[in-house]
Amino acid sequence: MRYKLDAEPRDAQPDSYTMFAISAALTYTQMIDFADQDLIDKSKHAMDINDRLIKTAGIQDEAERQSTLEGI
């Protein structure tokens, strides 16, 4: 879950709404849960891509080092 990011709007609970807007309240809280999970998934995906890029850069540096002619 996200903490401290737009905390006040996320504190809204279905019982904060009147009976006339109960469907809006339920929709809002479900949308917030979906958005939070989507952000978590995208963050994990971005971190995975970053890890792969770091690994690829290390491999490229090692390949460059090993292919450099020495003693010329």
N, C-alpha and C. Protein backbone atom coordinates (compact mmCIF):
# COMPACT_ATOMS: atom_id res chain seq x y z
N MET A 1 0.83 -1.19 0.00
CA MET A 1 0.00 0.00 0.00
C MET A 1 0.87 1.25 0.00
N ARG A 2 0.37 2.29 -0.60
CA ARG A 2 1.08 3.56 -0.57
C ARG A 2 0.80 4.25 0.76
N TYR A 3 1.81 4.84 1.30
CA TYR A 3 1.66 5.59 2.54
C TYR A 3 2.08 7.03 2.30
N LYS A 4 1.33 7.95 2.86
CA LYS A 4 1.63 9.38 2.82
C LYS A 4 1.50 10.00 1.43
N LEU A 5 1.03 9.27 0.44
CA LEU A 5 0.83 9.83 -0.89
C LEU A 5 -0.66 10.09 -1.05
N ASP A 6 -1.03 11.34 -1.11
CA ASP A 6 -2.45 11.72 -1.20
C ASP A 6 -3.23 11.07 -0.06
N ALA A 7 -2.70 11.13 1.14
CA ALA A 7 -3.29 10.40 2.27
C ALA A 7 -4.72 10.81 2.56
N GLU A 8 -5.03 12.09 2.55
CA GLU A 8 -6.37 12.52 2.91
C GLU A 8 -7.44 11.98 1.97
N PRO A 9 -7.29 12.10 0.63
CA PRO A 9 -8.32 11.52 -0.23
C PRO A 9 -8.45 10.01 -0.05
N ARG A 10 -7.37 9.34 0.28
CA ARG A 10 -7.40 7.89 0.43
C ARG A 10 -8.01 7.46 1.76
N ASP A 11 -8.15 8.40 2.68
CA ASP A 11 -8.76 8.06 3.96
C ASP A 11 -10.28 7.95 3.88
N ALA A 12 -10.85 8.35 2.76
CA ALA A 12 -12.31 8.29 2.62
C ALA A 12 -12.78 6.84 2.66
N GLN A 13 -13.78 6.60 3.43
CA GLN A 13 -14.37 5.27 3.55
C GLN A 13 -15.82 5.34 3.07
N PRO A 14 -16.39 4.20 2.69
CA PRO A 14 -17.77 4.22 2.21
C PRO A 14 -18.75 4.85 3.18
N ASP A 15 -18.52 4.71 4.49
CA ASP A 15 -19.46 5.29 5.45
C ASP A 15 -19.35 6.81 5.55
N SER A 16 -18.36 7.40 4.85
CA SER A 16 -18.24 8.86 4.82
C SER A 16 -19.27 9.50 3.89
N TYR A 17 -19.85 8.71 3.02
CA TYR A 17 -20.80 9.21 2.04
C TYR A 17 -22.22 9.07 2.56
N THR A 18 -23.12 9.87 2.01
CA THR A 18 -24.53 9.75 2.38
C THR A 18 -25.14 8.55 1.66
N MET A 19 -26.33 8.19 2.03
CA MET A 19 -27.02 7.06 1.40
C MET A 19 -27.27 7.32 -0.09
N PHE A 20 -27.34 8.59 -0.47
CA PHE A 20 -27.60 8.91 -1.88
C PHE A 20 -26.39 8.63 -2.75
N ALA A 21 -25.22 8.56 -2.14
CA ALA A 21 -24.00 8.39 -2.93
C ALA A 21 -23.26 7.12 -2.56
N ILE A 22 -23.97 6.11 -2.05
CA ILE A 22 -23.28 4.89 -1.62
C ILE A 22 -22.60 4.19 -2.79
N SER A 23 -23.21 4.22 -3.97
CA SER A 23 -22.57 3.58 -5.12
C SER A 23 -21.29 4.32 -5.50
N ALA A 24 -21.29 5.64 -5.38
CA ALA A 24 -20.07 6.41 -5.65
C ALA A 24 -19.01 6.09 -4.62
N ALA A 25 -19.41 5.91 -3.38
CA ALA A 25 -18.45 5.59 -2.32
C ALA A 25 -17.80 4.24 -2.58
N LEU A 26 -18.60 3.25 -2.92
CA LEU A 26 -18.05 1.92 -3.19
C LEU A 26 -17.16 1.93 -4.41
N THR A 27 -17.58 2.65 -5.44
CA THR A 27 -16.76 2.75 -6.65
C THR A 27 -15.44 3.43 -6.35
N TYR A 28 -15.47 4.50 -5.58
CA TYR A 28 -14.26 5.25 -5.25
C TYR A 28 -13.26 4.38 -4.50
N THR A 29 -13.72 3.69 -3.48
CA THR A 29 -12.79 2.88 -2.69
C THR A 29 -12.23 1.72 -3.49
N GLN A 30 -13.04 1.12 -4.36
CA GLN A 30 -12.55 0.04 -5.21
C GLN A 30 -11.54 0.57 -6.22
N MET A 31 -11.80 1.76 -6.77
CA MET A 31 -10.89 2.35 -7.73
C MET A 31 -9.54 2.66 -7.08
N ILE A 32 -9.57 3.16 -5.85
CA ILE A 32 -8.33 3.46 -5.13
C ILE A 32 -7.53 2.18 -4.89
N ASP A 33 -8.20 1.11 -4.48
CA ASP A 33 -7.52 -0.17 -4.27
C ASP A 33 -6.90 -0.67 -5.57
N PHE A 34 -7.63 -0.56 -6.68
CA PHE A 34 -7.11 -0.99 -7.97
C PHE A 34 -5.90 -0.15 -8.37
N ALA A 35 -6.01 1.17 -8.21
CA ALA A 35 -4.91 2.06 -8.59
C ALA A 35 -3.67 1.78 -7.76
N ASP A 36 -3.85 1.53 -6.47
CA ASP A 36 -2.71 1.21 -5.61
C ASP A 36 -2.03 -0.08 -6.05
N GLN A 37 -2.80 -1.12 -6.32
CA GLN A 37 -2.23 -2.39 -6.75
C GLN A 37 -1.54 -2.24 -8.10
N ASP A 38 -2.14 -1.46 -9.00
CA ASP A 38 -1.55 -1.23 -10.31
C ASP A 38 -0.21 -0.51 -10.17
N LEU A 39 -0.14 0.47 -9.28
CA LEU A 39 1.11 1.18 -9.04
C LEU A 39 2.17 0.25 -8.46
N ILE A 40 1.79 -0.60 -7.54
CA ILE A 40 2.73 -1.56 -6.96
C ILE A 40 3.28 -2.49 -8.04
N ASP A 41 2.39 -3.01 -8.90
CA ASP A 41 2.82 -3.91 -9.97
C ASP A 41 3.76 -3.21 -10.94
N LYS A 42 3.43 -1.98 -11.31
CA LYS A 42 4.28 -1.23 -12.24
C LYS A 42 5.62 -0.89 -11.61
N SER A 43 5.64 -0.60 -10.32
CA SER A 43 6.90 -0.32 -9.63
C SER A 43 7.79 -1.56 -9.61
N LYS A 44 7.20 -2.72 -9.34
CA LYS A 44 7.97 -3.97 -9.36
C LYS A 44 8.54 -4.24 -10.74
N HIS A 45 7.74 -3.98 -11.77
CA HIS A 45 8.19 -4.19 -13.15
C HIS A 45 9.34 -3.24 -13.48
N ALA A 46 9.23 -1.98 -13.08
CA ALA A 46 10.29 -1.01 -13.33
C ALA A 46 11.58 -1.39 -12.59
N MET A 47 11.46 -1.87 -11.36
CA MET A 47 12.65 -2.30 -10.61
C MET A 47 13.30 -3.51 -11.26
N ASP A 48 12.49 -4.43 -11.81
CA ASP A 48 13.02 -5.59 -12.51
C ASP A 48 13.79 -5.16 -13.75
N ILE A 49 13.23 -4.22 -14.51
CA ILE A 49 13.91 -3.70 -15.69
C ILE A 49 15.22 -3.04 -15.29
N ASN A 50 15.21 -2.26 -14.21
CA ASN A 50 16.42 -1.61 -13.74
C ASN A 50 17.49 -2.63 -13.37
N ASP A 51 17.11 -3.68 -12.66
CA ASP A 51 18.06 -4.73 -12.29
C ASP A 51 18.67 -5.38 -13.53
N ARG A 52 17.83 -5.63 -14.53
CA ARG A 52 18.34 -6.24 -15.76
C ARG A 52 19.29 -5.31 -16.51
N LEU A 53 18.98 -4.01 -16.52
CA LEU A 53 19.87 -3.05 -17.17
C LEU A 53 21.22 -2.97 -16.46
N ILE A 54 21.20 -3.00 -15.14
CA ILE A 54 22.45 -2.97 -14.38
C ILE A 54 23.28 -4.22 -14.68
N LYS A 55 22.63 -5.37 -14.74
CA LYS A 55 23.33 -6.62 -15.05
C LYS A 55 23.91 -6.57 -16.47
N THR A 56 23.12 -6.06 -17.41
CA THR A 56 23.58 -5.95 -18.80
C THR A 56 24.78 -5.01 -18.90
N ALA A 57 24.74 -3.89 -18.18
CA ALA A 57 25.86 -2.95 -18.20
C ALA A 57 27.12 -3.60 -17.64
N GLY A 58 26.99 -4.39 -16.59
CA GLY A 58 28.14 -5.09 -16.03
C GLY A 58 28.73 -6.09 -17.02
N ILE A 59 27.87 -6.81 -17.71
CA ILE A 59 28.33 -7.78 -18.72
C ILE A 59 29.04 -7.05 -19.85
N GLN A 60 28.48 -5.92 -20.28
CA GLN A 60 29.10 -5.16 -21.37
C GLN A 60 30.46 -4.61 -20.94
N ASP A 61 30.56 -4.11 -19.72
CA ASP A 61 31.85 -3.61 -19.22
C ASP A 61 32.89 -4.72 -19.17
N GLU A 62 32.49 -5.89 -18.70
CA GLU A 62 33.42 -7.02 -18.64
C GLU A 62 33.84 -7.46 -20.03
N ALA A 63 32.90 -7.49 -20.97
CA ALA A 63 33.24 -7.86 -22.35
C ALA A 63 34.20 -6.85 -22.95
N GLU A 64 33.98 -5.58 -22.69
CA GLU A 64 34.88 -4.53 -23.18
C GLU A 64 36.27 -4.69 -22.59
N ARG A 65 36.33 -4.99 -21.29
CA ARG A 65 37.62 -5.16 -20.63
C ARG A 65 38.37 -6.35 -21.20
N GLN A 66 37.68 -7.45 -21.41
CA GLN A 66 38.34 -8.66 -21.92
C GLN A 66 38.72 -8.54 -23.39
N SER A 67 38.04 -7.69 -24.14
CA SER A 67 38.37 -7.58 -25.56
C SER A 67 39.42 -6.51 -25.84
N THR A 68 39.85 -5.79 -24.81
CA THR A 68 40.86 -4.75 -24.99
C THR A 68 42.24 -5.40 -25.10
N LEU A 69 42.96 -5.02 -26.14
CA LEU A 69 44.32 -5.54 -26.33
C LEU A 69 45.26 -4.87 -25.34
N GLU A 70 46.09 -5.69 -24.72
CA GLU A 70 47.04 -5.16 -23.75
C GLU A 70 48.46 -5.38 -24.26
N GLY A 71 49.36 -4.55 -23.79
CA GLY A 71 50.77 -4.72 -24.10
C GLY A 71 51.17 -4.24 -25.49
N ILE A 72 50.42 -3.35 -26.06
CA ILE A 72 50.80 -2.84 -27.39
C ILE A 72 51.61 -1.59 -27.22
